[in-house]
């Protein structure tokens, strides 16, 4: 019986962490010097899941624009269901 309570507690904790992670936007800076010694800024947008994303497209665009990227890449999932297309 205690094992069931522990399992339920672990599953609840995992669910809470997953919920919090989908409600934030992470900006990471990785510095790498190229032969030109000119910094190149690559902005990667990943796993936006637009139909349940709490951030407006304008908010996301604002965050991207502040990074002043030379390149913009899109990876991961952007929708979850075909009806969101």
PDB file of N, CA and C in Angstrom:
ATOM      1  N   UNK A   1       0.817  -1.191   0.000  1.00  0.00           N
ATOM      2  CA  UNK A   1       0.000   0.000   0.000  1.00  0.00           C
ATOM      3  C   UNK A   1       0.864   1.260   0.000  1.00  0.00           C
ATOM      4  N   UNK A   2       1.937   1.252   0.783  1.00  0.00           N
ATOM      5  CA  UNK A   2       2.841   2.405   0.826  1.00  0.00           C
ATOM      6  C   UNK A   2       3.485   2.620  -0.540  1.00  0.00           C
ATOM      7  N   UNK A   3       3.770   1.515  -1.243  1.00  0.00           N
ATOM      8  CA  UNK A   3       4.383   1.617  -2.572  1.00  0.00           C
ATOM      9  C   UNK A   3       3.472   2.366  -3.536  1.00  0.00           C
ATOM     10  N   UNK A   4       2.179   2.166  -3.429  1.00  0.00           N
ATOM     11  CA  UNK A   4       1.220   2.862  -4.299  1.00  0.00           C
ATOM     12  C   UNK A   4       1.242   4.363  -4.005  1.00  0.00           C
ATOM     13  N   UNK A   5       1.294   4.744  -2.741  1.00  0.00           N
ATOM     14  CA  UNK A   5       1.360   6.159  -2.370  1.00  0.00           C
ATOM     15  C   UNK A   5       2.666   6.802  -2.862  1.00  0.00           C
ATOM     16  N   UNK A   6       3.756   6.074  -2.730  1.00  0.00           N
ATOM     17  CA  UNK A   6       5.044   6.589  -3.198  1.00  0.00           C
ATOM     18  C   UNK A   6       5.017   6.764  -4.710  1.00  0.00           C
ATOM     19  N   UNK A   7       4.480   5.766  -5.429  1.00  0.00           N
ATOM     20  CA  UNK A   7       4.364   5.861  -6.885  1.00  0.00           C
ATOM     21  C   UNK A   7       3.479   7.041  -7.288  1.00  0.00           C
ATOM     22  N   UNK A   8       2.376   7.229  -6.602  1.00  0.00           N
ATOM     23  CA  UNK A   8       1.481   8.351  -6.891  1.00  0.00           C
ATOM     24  C   UNK A   8       2.182   9.684  -6.646  1.00  0.00           C
ATOM     25  N   UNK A   9       2.961   9.756  -5.587  1.00  0.00           N
ATOM     26  CA  UNK A   9       3.715  10.972  -5.272  1.00  0.00           C
ATOM     27  C   UNK A   9       4.752  11.267  -6.354  1.00  0.00           C
ATOM     28  N   UNK A  10       5.455  10.253  -6.802  1.00  0.00           N
ATOM     29  CA  UNK A  10       6.459  10.428  -7.859  1.00  0.00           C
ATOM     30  C   UNK A  10       5.789  10.893  -9.148  1.00  0.00           C
ATOM     31  N   UNK A  11       4.688  10.263  -9.533  1.00  0.00           N
ATOM     32  CA  UNK A  11       3.975  10.653 -10.749  1.00  0.00           C
ATOM     33  C   UNK A  11       3.451  12.084 -10.662  1.00  0.00           C
ATOM     34  N   UNK A  12       2.972  12.471  -9.496  1.00  0.00           N
ATOM     35  CA  UNK A  12       2.497  13.849  -9.315  1.00  0.00           C
ATOM     36  C   UNK A  12       3.650  14.830  -9.454  1.00  0.00           C
ATOM     37  N   UNK A  13       4.801  14.514  -8.888  1.00  0.00           N
ATOM     38  CA  UNK A  13       5.970  15.389  -8.985  1.00  0.00           C
ATOM     39  C   UNK A  13       6.423  15.535 -10.427  1.00  0.00           C
ATOM     40  N   UNK A  14       6.447  14.432 -11.163  1.00  0.00           N
ATOM     41  CA  UNK A  14       6.837  14.479 -12.577  1.00  0.00           C
ATOM     42  C   UNK A  14       5.847  15.345 -13.357  1.00  0.00           C
ATOM     43  N   UNK A  15       4.569  15.189 -13.081  1.00  0.00           N
ATOM     44  CA  UNK A  15       3.546  15.998 -13.758  1.00  0.00           C
ATOM     45  C   UNK A  15       3.699  17.480 -13.469  1.00  0.00           C
ATOM     46  N   UNK A  16       4.007  17.833 -12.236  1.00  0.00           N
ATOM     47  CA  UNK A  16       4.194  19.238 -11.859  1.00  0.00           C
ATOM     48  C   UNK A  16       5.410  19.823 -12.564  1.00  0.00           C
ATOM     49  N   UNK A  17       6.506  19.085 -12.595  1.00  0.00           N
ATOM     50  CA  UNK A  17       7.716  19.555 -13.276  1.00  0.00           C
ATOM     51  C   UNK A  17       7.442  19.742 -14.765  1.00  0.00           C
ATOM     52  N   UNK A  18       6.764  18.784 -15.395  1.00  0.00           N
ATOM     53  CA  UNK A  18       6.445  18.890 -16.823  1.00  0.00           C
ATOM     54  C   UNK A  18       5.556  20.107 -17.085  1.00  0.00           C
ATOM     55  N   UNK A  19       4.585  20.358 -16.226  1.00  0.00           N
ATOM     56  CA  UNK A  19       3.707  21.514 -16.383  1.00  0.00           C
ATOM     57  C   UNK A  19       4.500  22.820 -16.297  1.00  0.00           C
ATOM     58  N   UNK A  20       5.375  22.923 -15.324  1.00  0.00           N
ATOM     59  CA  UNK A  20       6.173  24.141 -15.148  1.00  0.00           C
ATOM     60  C   UNK A  20       7.091  24.361 -16.341  1.00  0.00           C
ATOM     61  N   UNK A  21       7.706  23.297 -16.845  1.00  0.00           N
ATOM     62  CA  UNK A  21       8.624  23.435 -17.971  1.00  0.00           C
ATOM     63  C   UNK A  21       7.911  23.896 -19.234  1.00  0.00           C
ATOM     64  N   UNK A  22       6.644  23.565 -19.405  1.00  0.00           N
ATOM     65  CA  UNK A  22       5.923  23.999 -20.606  1.00  0.00           C
ATOM     66  C   UNK A  22       5.361  25.405 -20.455  1.00  0.00           C
ATOM     67  N   UNK A  23       5.575  26.035 -19.323  1.00  0.00           N
ATOM     68  CA  UNK A  23       5.069  27.380 -19.085  1.00  0.00           C
ATOM     69  C   UNK A  23       6.193  28.403 -19.016  1.00  0.00           C
ATOM     70  N   UNK A  24       7.340  28.080 -19.604  1.00  0.00           N
ATOM     71  CA  UNK A  24       8.464  29.003 -19.566  1.00  0.00           C
ATOM     72  C   UNK A  24       9.186  28.994 -20.908  1.00  0.00           C
ATOM     73  N   UNK A  25       9.914  30.040 -21.149  1.00  0.00           N
ATOM     74  CA  UNK A  25      10.758  30.127 -22.334  1.00  0.00           C
ATOM     75  C   UNK A  25      12.196  30.230 -21.839  1.00  0.00           C
ATOM     76  N   UNK A  26      13.018  29.311 -22.281  1.00  0.00           N
ATOM     77  CA  UNK A  26      14.424  29.304 -21.885  1.00  0.00           C
ATOM     78  C   UNK A  26      15.264  29.958 -22.978  1.00  0.00           C
ATOM     79  N   UNK A  27      16.148  30.838 -22.591  1.00  0.00           N
ATOM     80  CA  UNK A  27      17.110  31.449 -23.510  1.00  0.00           C
ATOM     81  C   UNK A  27      18.489  31.053 -23.008  1.00  0.00           C
ATOM     82  N   UNK A  28      19.203  30.285 -23.819  1.00  0.00           N
ATOM     83  CA  UNK A  28      20.549  29.836 -23.470  1.00  0.00           C
ATOM     84  C   UNK A  28      21.542  30.458 -24.434  1.00  0.00           C
ATOM     85  N   UNK A  29      22.647  30.897 -23.917  1.00  0.00           N
ATOM     86  CA  UNK A  29      23.713  31.476 -24.739  1.00  0.00           C
ATOM     87  C   UNK A  29      24.910  30.529 -24.708  1.00  0.00           C
ATOM     88  N   UNK A  30      25.334  30.111 -25.884  1.00  0.00           N
ATOM     89  CA  UNK A  30      26.510  29.254 -26.018  1.00  0.00           C
ATOM     90  C   UNK A  30      27.505  30.018 -26.879  1.00  0.00           C
ATOM     91  N   UNK A  31      28.699  30.220 -26.387  1.00  0.00           N
ATOM     92  CA  UNK A  31      29.698  31.009 -27.098  1.00  0.00           C
ATOM     93  C   UNK A  31      30.711  30.087 -27.771  1.00  0.00           C
ATOM     94  N   UNK A  32      30.913  30.348 -29.067  1.00  0.00           N
ATOM     95  CA  UNK A  32      31.884  29.575 -29.840  1.00  0.00           C
ATOM     96  C   UNK A  32      32.533  30.522 -30.842  1.00  0.00           C
ATOM     97  N   UNK A  33      33.841  30.533 -30.912  1.00  0.00           N
ATOM     98  CA  UNK A  33      34.555  31.437 -31.815  1.00  0.00           C
ATOM     99  C   UNK A  33      34.769  30.765 -33.164  1.00  0.00           C
ATOM    100  N   UNK A  34      34.370  31.450 -34.210  1.00  0.00           N
ATOM    101  CA  UNK A  34      34.600  30.965 -35.569  1.00  0.00           C
ATOM    102  C   UNK A  34      35.891  31.556 -36.106  1.00  0.00           C
ATOM    103  N   UNK A  35      36.319  31.092 -37.260  1.00  0.00           N
ATOM    104  CA  UNK A  35      37.563  31.594 -37.858  1.00  0.00           C
ATOM    105  C   UNK A  35      37.511  33.098 -38.100  1.00  0.00           C
ATOM    106  N   UNK A  36      36.343  33.613 -38.365  1.00  0.00           N
ATOM    107  CA  UNK A  36      36.211  35.043 -38.657  1.00  0.00           C
ATOM    108  C   UNK A  36      36.290  35.908 -37.400  1.00  0.00           C
ATOM    109  N   UNK A  37      36.276  35.293 -36.226  1.00  0.00           N
ATOM    110  CA  UNK A  37      36.244  35.997 -34.937  1.00  0.00           C
ATOM    111  C   UNK A  37      35.029  36.894 -34.783  1.00  0.00           C
ATOM    112  N   UNK A  38      34.068  36.747 -35.656  1.00  0.00           N
ATOM    113  CA  UNK A  38      32.825  37.490 -35.565  1.00  0.00           C
ATOM    114  C   UNK A  38      31.777  36.582 -34.904  1.00  0.00           C
ATOM    115  N   UNK A  39      31.129  37.050 -33.871  1.00  0.00           N
ATOM    116  CA  UNK A  39      30.110  36.204 -33.245  1.00  0.00           C
ATOM    117  C   UNK A  39      28.934  35.967 -34.194  1.00  0.00           C
ATOM    118  N   UNK A  40      28.471  34.750 -34.222  1.00  0.00           N
ATOM    119  CA  UNK A  40      27.297  34.381 -35.015  1.00  0.00           C
ATOM    120  C   UNK A  40      26.216  33.965 -34.028  1.00  0.00           C
ATOM    121  N   UNK A  41      25.041  34.533 -34.190  1.00  0.00           N
ATOM    122  CA  UNK A  41      23.934  34.237 -33.275  1.00  0.00           C
ATOM    123  C   UNK A  41      22.924  33.347 -33.995  1.00  0.00           C
ATOM    124  N   UNK A  42      22.732  32.158 -33.443  1.00  0.00           N
ATOM    125  CA  UNK A  42      21.747  31.216 -33.976  1.00  0.00           C
ATOM    126  C   UNK A  42      20.637  31.096 -32.942  1.00  0.00           C
ATOM    127  N   UNK A  43      19.421  31.308 -33.360  1.00  0.00           N
ATOM    128  CA  UNK A  43      18.270  31.184 -32.460  1.00  0.00           C
ATOM    129  C   UNK A  43      17.497  29.930 -32.870  1.00  0.00           C
ATOM    130  N   UNK A  44      17.305  29.030 -31.918  1.00  0.00           N
ATOM    131  CA  UNK A  44      16.593  27.785 -32.178  1.00  0.00           C
ATOM    132  C   UNK A  44      15.271  27.801 -31.427  1.00  0.00           C
ATOM    133  N   UNK A  45      14.185  27.634 -32.158  1.00  0.00           N
ATOM    134  CA  UNK A  45      12.860  27.501 -31.547  1.00  0.00           C
ATOM    135  C   UNK A  45      12.481  26.037 -31.626  1.00  0.00           C
ATOM    136  N   UNK A  46      12.132  25.457 -30.502  1.00  0.00           N
ATOM    137  CA  UNK A  46      11.861  24.017 -30.471  1.00  0.00           C
ATOM    138  C   UNK A  46      10.669  23.701 -29.587  1.00  0.00           C
ATOM    139  N   UNK A  47       9.887  22.741 -30.038  1.00  0.00           N
ATOM    140  CA  UNK A  47       8.769  22.196 -29.256  1.00  0.00           C
ATOM    141  C   UNK A  47       7.823  23.272 -28.734  1.00  0.00           C
ATOM    142  N   UNK A  48       7.349  24.122 -29.628  1.00  0.00           N
ATOM    143  CA  UNK A  48       6.457  25.208 -29.206  1.00  0.00           C
ATOM    144  C   UNK A  48       5.038  24.734 -28.867  1.00  0.00           C
ATOM    145  N   UNK A  49       4.562  23.666 -29.492  1.00  0.00           N
ATOM    146  CA  UNK A  49       3.209  23.158 -29.240  1.00  0.00           C
ATOM    147  C   UNK A  49       2.227  24.332 -29.209  1.00  0.00           C
ATOM    148  N   UNK A  50       2.066  24.967 -30.338  1.00  0.00           N
ATOM    149  CA  UNK A  50       1.365  26.244 -30.423  1.00  0.00           C
ATOM    150  C   UNK A  50      -0.065  26.236 -29.889  1.00  0.00           C
ATOM    151  N   UNK A  51      -0.779  25.121 -30.019  1.00  0.00           N
ATOM    152  CA  UNK A  51      -2.180  25.137 -29.581  1.00  0.00           C
ATOM    153  C   UNK A  51      -2.335  25.163 -28.067  1.00  0.00           C
ATOM    154  N   UNK A  52      -1.287  24.854 -27.320  1.00  0.00           N
ATOM    155  CA  UNK A  52      -1.392  24.930 -25.851  1.00  0.00           C
ATOM    156  C   UNK A  52      -0.300  25.795 -25.229  1.00  0.00           C
ATOM    157  N   UNK A  53       0.380  26.551 -26.044  1.00  0.00           N
ATOM    158  CA  UNK A  53       1.456  27.415 -25.568  1.00  0.00           C
ATOM    159  C   UNK A  53       0.854  28.663 -24.922  1.00  0.00           C
ATOM    160  N   UNK A  54       1.246  28.998 -23.701  1.00  0.00           N
ATOM    161  CA  UNK A  54       0.660  30.159 -23.029  1.00  0.00           C
ATOM    162  C   UNK A  54       1.201  31.501 -23.546  1.00  0.00           C
ATOM    163  N   UNK A  55       2.184  31.467 -24.443  1.00  0.00           N
ATOM    164  CA  UNK A  55       2.796  32.700 -24.937  1.00  0.00           C
ATOM    165  C   UNK A  55       2.239  33.053 -26.308  1.00  0.00           C
ATOM    166  N   UNK A  56       1.948  34.314 -26.510  1.00  0.00           N
ATOM    167  CA  UNK A  56       1.434  34.763 -27.803  1.00  0.00           C
ATOM    168  C   UNK A  56       2.563  34.743 -28.835  1.00  0.00           C
ATOM    169  N   UNK A  57       2.223  34.636 -30.109  1.00  0.00           N
ATOM    170  CA  UNK A  57       3.247  34.719 -31.149  1.00  0.00           C
ATOM    171  C   UNK A  57       4.043  36.021 -31.059  1.00  0.00           C
ATOM    172  N   UNK A  58       3.379  37.110 -30.657  1.00  0.00           N
ATOM    173  CA  UNK A  58       4.067  38.399 -30.514  1.00  0.00           C
ATOM    174  C   UNK A  58       5.121  38.347 -29.407  1.00  0.00           C
ATOM    175  N   UNK A  59       4.819  37.679 -28.307  1.00  0.00           N
ATOM    176  CA  UNK A  59       5.771  37.543 -27.206  1.00  0.00           C
ATOM    177  C   UNK A  59       6.987  36.730 -27.646  1.00  0.00           C
ATOM    178  N   UNK A  60       6.731  35.625 -28.342  1.00  0.00           N
ATOM    179  CA  UNK A  60       7.830  34.790 -28.841  1.00  0.00           C
ATOM    180  C   UNK A  60       8.679  35.584 -29.821  1.00  0.00           C
ATOM    181  N   UNK A  61       8.040  36.312 -30.739  1.00  0.00           N
ATOM    182  CA  UNK A  61       8.777  37.123 -31.716  1.00  0.00           C
ATOM    183  C   UNK A  61       9.611  38.188 -31.022  1.00  0.00           C
ATOM    184  N   UNK A  62       9.079  38.787 -29.983  1.00  0.00           N
ATOM    185  CA  UNK A  62       9.805  39.816 -29.236  1.00  0.00           C
ATOM    186  C   UNK A  62      11.068  39.240 -28.592  1.00  0.00           C
ATOM    187  N   UNK A  63      10.946  38.061 -28.016  1.00  0.00           N
ATOM    188  CA  UNK A  63      12.104  37.414 -27.394  1.00  0.00           C
ATOM    189  C   UNK A  63      13.158  37.087 -28.453  1.00  0.00           C
ATOM    190  N   UNK A  64      12.712  36.573 -29.591  1.00  0.00           N
ATOM    191  CA  UNK A  64      13.646  36.236 -30.675  1.00  0.00           C
ATOM    192  C   UNK A  64      14.330  37.500 -31.198  1.00  0.00           C
ATOM    193  N   UNK A  65      13.572  38.552 -31.428  1.00  0.00           N
ATOM    194  CA  UNK A  65      14.143  39.795 -31.959  1.00  0.00           C
ATOM    195  C   UNK A  65      15.202  40.380 -31.032  1.00  0.00           C
ATOM    196  N   UNK A  66      15.015  40.261 -29.726  1.00  0.00           N
ATOM    197  CA  UNK A  66      16.011  40.781 -28.771  1.00  0.00           C
ATOM    198  C   UNK A  66      17.349  40.056 -28.869  1.00  0.00           C
ATOM    199  N   UNK A  67      17.335  38.821 -29.377  1.00  0.00           N
ATOM    200  CA  UNK A  67      18.578  38.054 -29.524  1.00  0.00           C
ATOM    201  C   UNK A  67      19.364  38.486 -30.771  1.00  0.00           C
ATOM    202  N   UNK A  68      18.708  39.208 -31.686  1.00  0.00           N
ATOM    203  CA  UNK A  68      19.323  39.654 -32.942  1.00  0.00           C
ATOM    204  C   UNK A  68      20.022  38.499 -33.666  1.00  0.00           C
ATOM    205  N   UNK A  69      19.256  37.463 -34.021  1.00  0.00           N
ATOM    206  CA  UNK A  69      19.885  36.279 -34.611  1.00  0.00           C
ATOM    207  C   UNK A  69      20.316  36.493 -36.061  1.00  0.00           C
ATOM    208  N   UNK A  70      21.426  35.824 -36.416  1.00  0.00           N
ATOM    209  CA  UNK A  70      21.850  35.750 -37.812  1.00  0.00           C
ATOM    210  C   UNK A  70      21.093  34.624 -38.510  1.00  0.00           C
ATOM    211  N   UNK A  71      20.774  33.583 -37.760  1.00  0.00           N
ATOM    212  CA  UNK A  71      20.045  32.429 -38.275  1.00  0.00           C
ATOM    213  C   UNK A  71      18.937  32.072 -37.297  1.00  0.00           C
ATOM    214  N   UNK A  72      17.829  31.606 -37.834  1.00  0.00           N
ATOM    215  CA  UNK A  72      16.707  31.165 -37.017  1.00  0.00           C
ATOM    216  C   UNK A  72      16.363  29.747 -37.448  1.00  0.00           C
ATOM    217  N   UNK A  73      16.379  28.800 -36.502  1.00  0.00           N
ATOM    218  CA  UNK A  73      16.052  27.415 -36.829  1.00  0.00           C
ATOM    219  C   UNK A  73      14.810  26.983 -36.066  1.00  0.00           C
ATOM    220  N   UNK A  74      14.061  26.089 -36.675  1.00  0.00           N
ATOM    221  CA  UNK A  74      12.845  25.539 -36.077  1.00  0.00           C
ATOM    222  C   UNK A  74      13.014  24.029 -35.956  1.00  0.00           C
ATOM    223  N   UNK A  75      12.965  23.517 -34.737  1.00  0.00           N
ATOM    224  CA  UNK A  75      13.071  22.072 -34.518  1.00  0.00           C
ATOM    225  C   UNK A  75      11.978  21.637 -33.554  1.00  0.00           C
ATOM    226  N   UNK A  76      11.717  20.362 -33.529  1.00  0.00           N
ATOM    227  CA  UNK A  76      10.759  19.823 -32.568  1.00  0.00           C
ATOM    228  C   UNK A  76       9.327  19.891 -33.054  1.00  0.00           C
ATOM    229  N   UNK A  77       8.410  19.752 -32.121  1.00  0.00           N
ATOM    230  CA  UNK A  77       6.978  19.716 -32.420  1.00  0.00           C
ATOM    231  C   UNK A  77       6.383  21.117 -32.308  1.00  0.00           C
ATOM    232  N   UNK A  78       5.506  21.446 -33.248  1.00  0.00           N
ATOM    233  CA  UNK A  78       4.841  22.748 -33.207  1.00  0.00           C
ATOM    234  C   UNK A  78       3.349  22.618 -33.000  1.00  0.00           C
ATOM    235  N   UNK A  79       2.821  21.466 -33.354  1.00  0.00           N
ATOM    236  CA  UNK A  79       1.413  21.184 -33.110  1.00  0.00           C
ATOM    237  C   UNK A  79       1.307  19.775 -32.558  1.00  0.00           C
ATOM    238  N   UNK A  80       0.163  19.463 -31.937  1.00  0.00           N
ATOM    239  CA  UNK A  80      -0.025  18.134 -31.385  1.00  0.00           C
ATOM    240  C   UNK A  80      -1.094  17.359 -32.125  1.00  0.00           C
ATOM    241  N   UNK A  81      -2.032  18.059 -32.729  1.00  0.00           N
ATOM    242  CA  UNK A  81      -3.142  17.374 -33.397  1.00  0.00           C
ATOM    243  C   UNK A  81      -3.324  17.919 -34.794  1.00  0.00           C
ATOM    244  N   UNK A  82      -3.798  17.072 -35.671  1.00  0.00           N
ATOM    245  CA  UNK A  82      -3.975  17.460 -37.079  1.00  0.00           C
ATOM    246  C   UNK A  82      -4.943  18.647 -37.205  1.00  0.00           C
ATOM    247  N   UNK A  83      -5.951  18.725 -36.345  1.00  0.00           N
ATOM    248  CA  UNK A  83      -6.913  19.823 -36.443  1.00  0.00           C
ATOM    249  C   UNK A  83      -6.304  21.189 -36.134  1.00  0.00           C
ATOM    250  N   UNK A  84      -5.089  21.203 -35.551  1.00  0.00           N
ATOM    251  CA  UNK A  84      -4.420  22.472 -35.246  1.00  0.00           C
ATOM    252  C   UNK A  84      -3.742  23.062 -36.474  1.00  0.00           C
ATOM    253  N   UNK A  85      -3.698  22.305 -37.557  1.00  0.00           N
ATOM    254  CA  UNK A  85      -3.030  22.787 -38.788  1.00  0.00           C
ATOM    255  C   UNK A  85      -3.854  23.870 -39.450  1.00  0.00           C
TER     256      UNK A  85
END
